[in-house]
Protein backbone atom coordinates (compact mmCIF):
# COMPACT_ATOMS: atom_id res chain seq x y z
CA UNK A 1 -20.62 8.11 -18.75
CA UNK A 2 -24.29 7.53 -17.60
CA UNK A 3 -25.71 8.29 -13.73
CA UNK A 4 -25.75 4.36 -12.98
CA UNK A 5 -22.36 3.83 -14.01
CA UNK A 6 -21.53 6.78 -11.61
CA UNK A 7 -23.12 5.33 -8.73
CA UNK A 8 -21.60 2.04 -9.49
CA UNK A 9 -18.11 3.22 -9.36
CA UNK A 10 -18.98 5.80 -6.21
CA UNK A 11 -20.72 2.99 -4.76
CA UNK A 12 -17.21 0.70 -4.62
CA UNK A 13 -15.23 3.45 -2.86
CA UNK A 14 -15.77 3.30 0.98
CA UNK A 15 -13.08 2.47 4.23
CA UNK A 16 -12.96 -0.95 3.03
CA UNK A 17 -11.89 0.41 -0.52
CA UNK A 18 -8.69 -2.09 -1.57
CA UNK A 19 -6.72 -0.86 -4.87
CA UNK A 20 -7.65 -3.22 -7.69
CA UNK A 21 -4.75 -2.52 -9.96
CA UNK A 22 -1.28 -3.08 -8.58
CA UNK A 23 1.97 -2.88 -10.21
CA UNK A 24 5.04 -4.10 -8.99
CA UNK A 25 8.77 -3.67 -11.08
CA UNK A 26 12.19 -5.19 -10.01
CA UNK A 27 15.16 -3.70 -12.14
CA UNK A 28 17.30 -5.62 -14.05
CA UNK A 29 21.23 -6.02 -12.61
CA UNK A 30 21.88 -6.43 -16.50
CA UNK A 31 20.75 -5.11 -19.90
CA UNK A 32 17.82 -7.46 -21.25
CA UNK A 33 17.18 -7.60 -24.94
CA UNK A 34 13.37 -7.80 -25.36
CA UNK A 35 13.36 -9.51 -28.28
CA UNK A 36 14.32 -12.49 -26.47
CA UNK A 37 11.52 -12.85 -24.12
CA UNK A 38 9.20 -12.81 -27.19
CA UNK A 39 8.91 -16.50 -27.96
CA UNK A 40 8.76 -17.28 -23.94
CA UNK A 41 5.71 -14.73 -23.65
CA UNK A 42 4.38 -16.72 -26.81
CA UNK A 43 4.77 -20.28 -25.51
CA UNK A 44 2.85 -18.99 -22.48
CA UNK A 45 -0.08 -17.99 -24.40
CA UNK A 46 -0.31 -21.15 -26.40
CA UNK A 47 0.08 -23.49 -23.34
CA UNK A 48 -1.04 -21.97 -21.15
CA UNK A 49 1.50 -21.76 -18.75
CA UNK A 50 0.81 -19.58 -15.79
CA UNK A 51 -1.32 -20.81 -13.77
CA UNK A 52 -4.53 -18.92 -13.00
CA UNK A 53 -3.55 -16.91 -15.64
CA UNK A 54 -5.08 -16.14 -19.10
CA UNK A 55 -2.43 -14.31 -21.73
CA UNK A 56 -3.77 -13.52 -24.82
CA UNK A 57 -1.81 -11.10 -26.94
CA UNK A 58 2.00 -9.81 -27.22
CA UNK A 59 2.37 -5.83 -27.39
CA UNK A 60 5.66 -4.51 -29.05
CA UNK A 61 6.41 -0.93 -27.40
CA UNK A 62 10.12 -0.88 -28.65
CA UNK A 63 10.30 2.26 -30.66
CA UNK A 64 8.44 3.92 -27.73
CA UNK A 65 11.84 5.54 -25.34
CA UNK A 66 11.44 5.09 -21.89
CA UNK A 67 8.19 2.83 -21.93
CA UNK A 68 6.90 -0.72 -21.85
CA UNK A 69 9.21 -2.36 -24.39
CA UNK A 70 7.50 -5.69 -24.55
CA UNK A 71 4.59 -6.55 -22.99
CA UNK A 72 2.67 -10.05 -22.38
CA UNK A 73 -1.21 -9.01 -21.86
CA UNK A 74 -3.46 -10.95 -20.06
CA UNK A 75 -6.90 -11.36 -18.58
CA UNK A 76 -5.92 -11.31 -14.72
CA UNK A 77 -2.16 -9.30 -15.15
CA UNK A 78 0.06 -8.24 -17.57
CA UNK A 79 4.08 -8.98 -17.57
CA UNK A 80 6.20 -6.29 -19.31
CA UNK A 81 9.68 -5.82 -20.16
CA UNK A 82 9.69 -2.16 -18.65
CA UNK A 83 11.71 0.92 -20.01
CA UNK A 84 9.54 3.05 -17.93
CA UNK A 85 11.57 6.39 -16.57
CA UNK A 86 14.70 5.54 -17.94
CA UNK A 87 14.71 2.29 -15.90
CA UNK A 88 14.66 -1.38 -17.24
CA UNK A 89 12.94 -3.85 -15.48
CA UNK A 90 10.44 -6.53 -15.09
CA UNK A 91 6.92 -5.58 -14.44
CA UNK A 92 4.02 -7.62 -13.17
CA UNK A 93 0.65 -5.39 -13.40
CA UNK A 94 -2.20 -7.41 -11.38
CA UNK A 95 -5.43 -6.10 -12.68
CA UNK A 96 -8.40 -7.98 -11.63
CA UNK A 97 -9.35 -11.66 -9.60
CA UNK A 98 -8.20 -11.46 -6.46
CA UNK A 99 -8.44 -14.55 -4.60
CA UNK A 100 -7.01 -13.62 -1.06
CA UNK A 101 -8.47 -14.92 2.00
CA UNK A 102 -8.06 -11.97 4.95
CA UNK A 103 -8.66 -11.11 8.23
CA UNK A 104 -9.56 -7.33 7.71
CA UNK A 105 -8.23 -4.66 5.38
CA UNK A 106 -4.85 -4.13 6.42
CA UNK A 107 -4.53 -7.72 5.83
CA UNK A 108 -6.22 -7.96 2.51
CA UNK A 109 -3.74 -5.17 1.34
CA UNK A 110 -0.67 -7.03 2.43
CA UNK A 111 -2.64 -10.18 0.66
CA UNK A 112 -2.53 -8.46 -2.63
CA UNK A 113 1.16 -6.85 -2.30
CA UNK A 114 2.28 -10.47 -1.47
CA UNK A 115 0.52 -11.71 -4.34
CA UNK A 116 2.18 -9.43 -6.85
CA UNK A 117 5.23 -9.88 -5.77
CA UNK A 118 5.58 -13.40 -5.51
CA UNK A 119 4.48 -13.49 -9.30
CA UNK A 120 6.85 -10.82 -9.86
CA UNK A 121 9.80 -13.31 -8.55
CA UNK A 122 8.27 -16.33 -10.34
CA UNK A 123 7.83 -14.70 -13.88
CA UNK A 124 11.82 -13.58 -13.16
CA UNK A 125 12.51 -16.93 -12.44
CA UNK A 126 10.59 -18.27 -15.30
CA UNK A 127 12.01 -16.03 -18.14
CA UNK A 128 15.74 -16.79 -16.49
CA UNK A 129 15.98 -12.89 -15.63
CA UNK A 130 18.25 -11.37 -12.52
CA UNK A 131 17.03 -8.67 -10.91
CA UNK A 132 18.22 -6.43 -8.59
CA UNK A 133 17.08 -7.46 -5.18
CA UNK A 134 18.43 -4.37 -3.44
CA UNK A 135 15.01 -2.26 -4.86
CA UNK A 136 11.52 -2.50 -6.21
CA UNK A 137 9.00 0.01 -7.15
CA UNK A 138 5.08 -0.54 -6.43
CA UNK A 139 2.53 1.19 -7.97
CA UNK A 140 -1.26 1.66 -7.10
CA UNK A 141 -2.99 2.43 -10.36
CA UNK A 142 -6.39 2.98 -8.41
CA UNK A 143 -4.43 6.39 -7.81
CA UNK A 144 -7.25 8.91 -7.10
CA UNK A 145 -9.08 6.23 -4.62
CA UNK A 146 -5.86 5.66 -2.53
CA UNK A 147 -5.07 9.66 -2.46
CA UNK A 148 -8.55 10.31 -1.69
CA UNK A 149 -8.85 7.59 1.45
CA UNK A 150 -5.68 8.70 2.77
CA UNK A 151 -4.00 5.27 2.19
CA UNK A 152 -0.16 6.10 2.30
CA UNK A 153 0.53 5.37 5.58
CA UNK A 154 -1.39 1.91 5.18
CA UNK A 155 0.53 1.26 1.95
CA UNK A 156 3.78 1.95 3.18
CA UNK A 157 3.19 -0.25 6.20
CA UNK A 158 1.89 -3.27 4.06
CA UNK A 159 4.82 -3.12 1.63
CA UNK A 160 7.11 -2.90 4.16
CA UNK A 161 5.84 -6.32 5.34
CA UNK A 162 5.94 -7.90 2.10
CA UNK A 163 9.14 -6.36 0.45
CA UNK A 164 11.60 -9.40 2.00
CA UNK A 165 9.72 -11.47 -1.25
CA UNK A 166 11.89 -9.34 -3.48
CA UNK A 167 14.32 -8.06 -1.26
CA UNK A 168 15.09 -10.78 1.11
CA UNK A 169 15.45 -10.10 4.99
CA UNK A 170 16.82 -6.79 6.44
CA UNK A 171 15.72 -3.23 6.84
CA UNK A 172 13.48 -1.74 4.58
CA UNK A 173 12.98 1.92 3.71
CA UNK A 174 9.54 2.57 2.13
CA UNK A 175 9.28 6.13 0.24
CA UNK A 176 6.33 7.55 -1.73
CA UNK A 177 7.55 8.56 -4.95
CA UNK A 178 7.15 12.36 -5.63
CA UNK A 179 6.10 12.79 -8.90
CA UNK A 180 3.24 14.39 -11.15
CA UNK A 181 -0.45 13.46 -8.91
CA UNK A 182 -1.91 12.89 -12.19
CA UNK A 183 0.10 9.28 -12.22
CA UNK A 184 -0.38 6.24 -10.47
CA UNK A 185 0.58 6.77 -6.65
CA UNK A 186 4.07 4.95 -6.25
CA UNK A 187 6.68 3.70 -3.69
CA UNK A 188 10.01 2.54 -3.64
CA UNK A 189 11.03 -0.13 -1.23
CA UNK A 190 15.16 -0.53 -0.71
CA UNK A 191 16.85 -2.97 1.22
CA UNK A 192 19.17 -0.66 3.45
CA UNK A 193 20.74 -2.91 5.67
CA UNK A 194 20.62 -6.69 5.68
CA UNK A 195 19.84 -9.23 8.64
């Protein structure tokens, strides 16, 4: 990397830095055949079905154990039938083109989480998949920046505020996923008590 590129990256990091790549995953209640979503993903590409998304390709990783199974790759986001960590589910990974209106960093952080969770629910409905409404996971794939800036308390609070989109109303427990620090910073959110 040249010095100019390093300065550009460094210039993005500061007090107002927000994660750009956020992954939300909801877990399946029943087994899902990854093959069944491929025709739907193909239709979404050809018909440009997902508003605000340019979907460009399908990647088939069914041969990889405990990983992404079938991935719809897009410019703004990827949609994945994901078997990562041995837990099958649907993942929505937002990569770019955030267009939220906000009033400061904490509102922008909640807004980004809200966008990701709303799209997760929408794609699950479009695919006619039944997801477990008691638990979800979120990963902030700008992992080094989130840890370096000490954003864990802000991320926990923002997830807690927005988790009802998937989990419904009630008391939610949010906890960081304690795994290898070389991986993305992740959180589990569980509905522990309903209203």
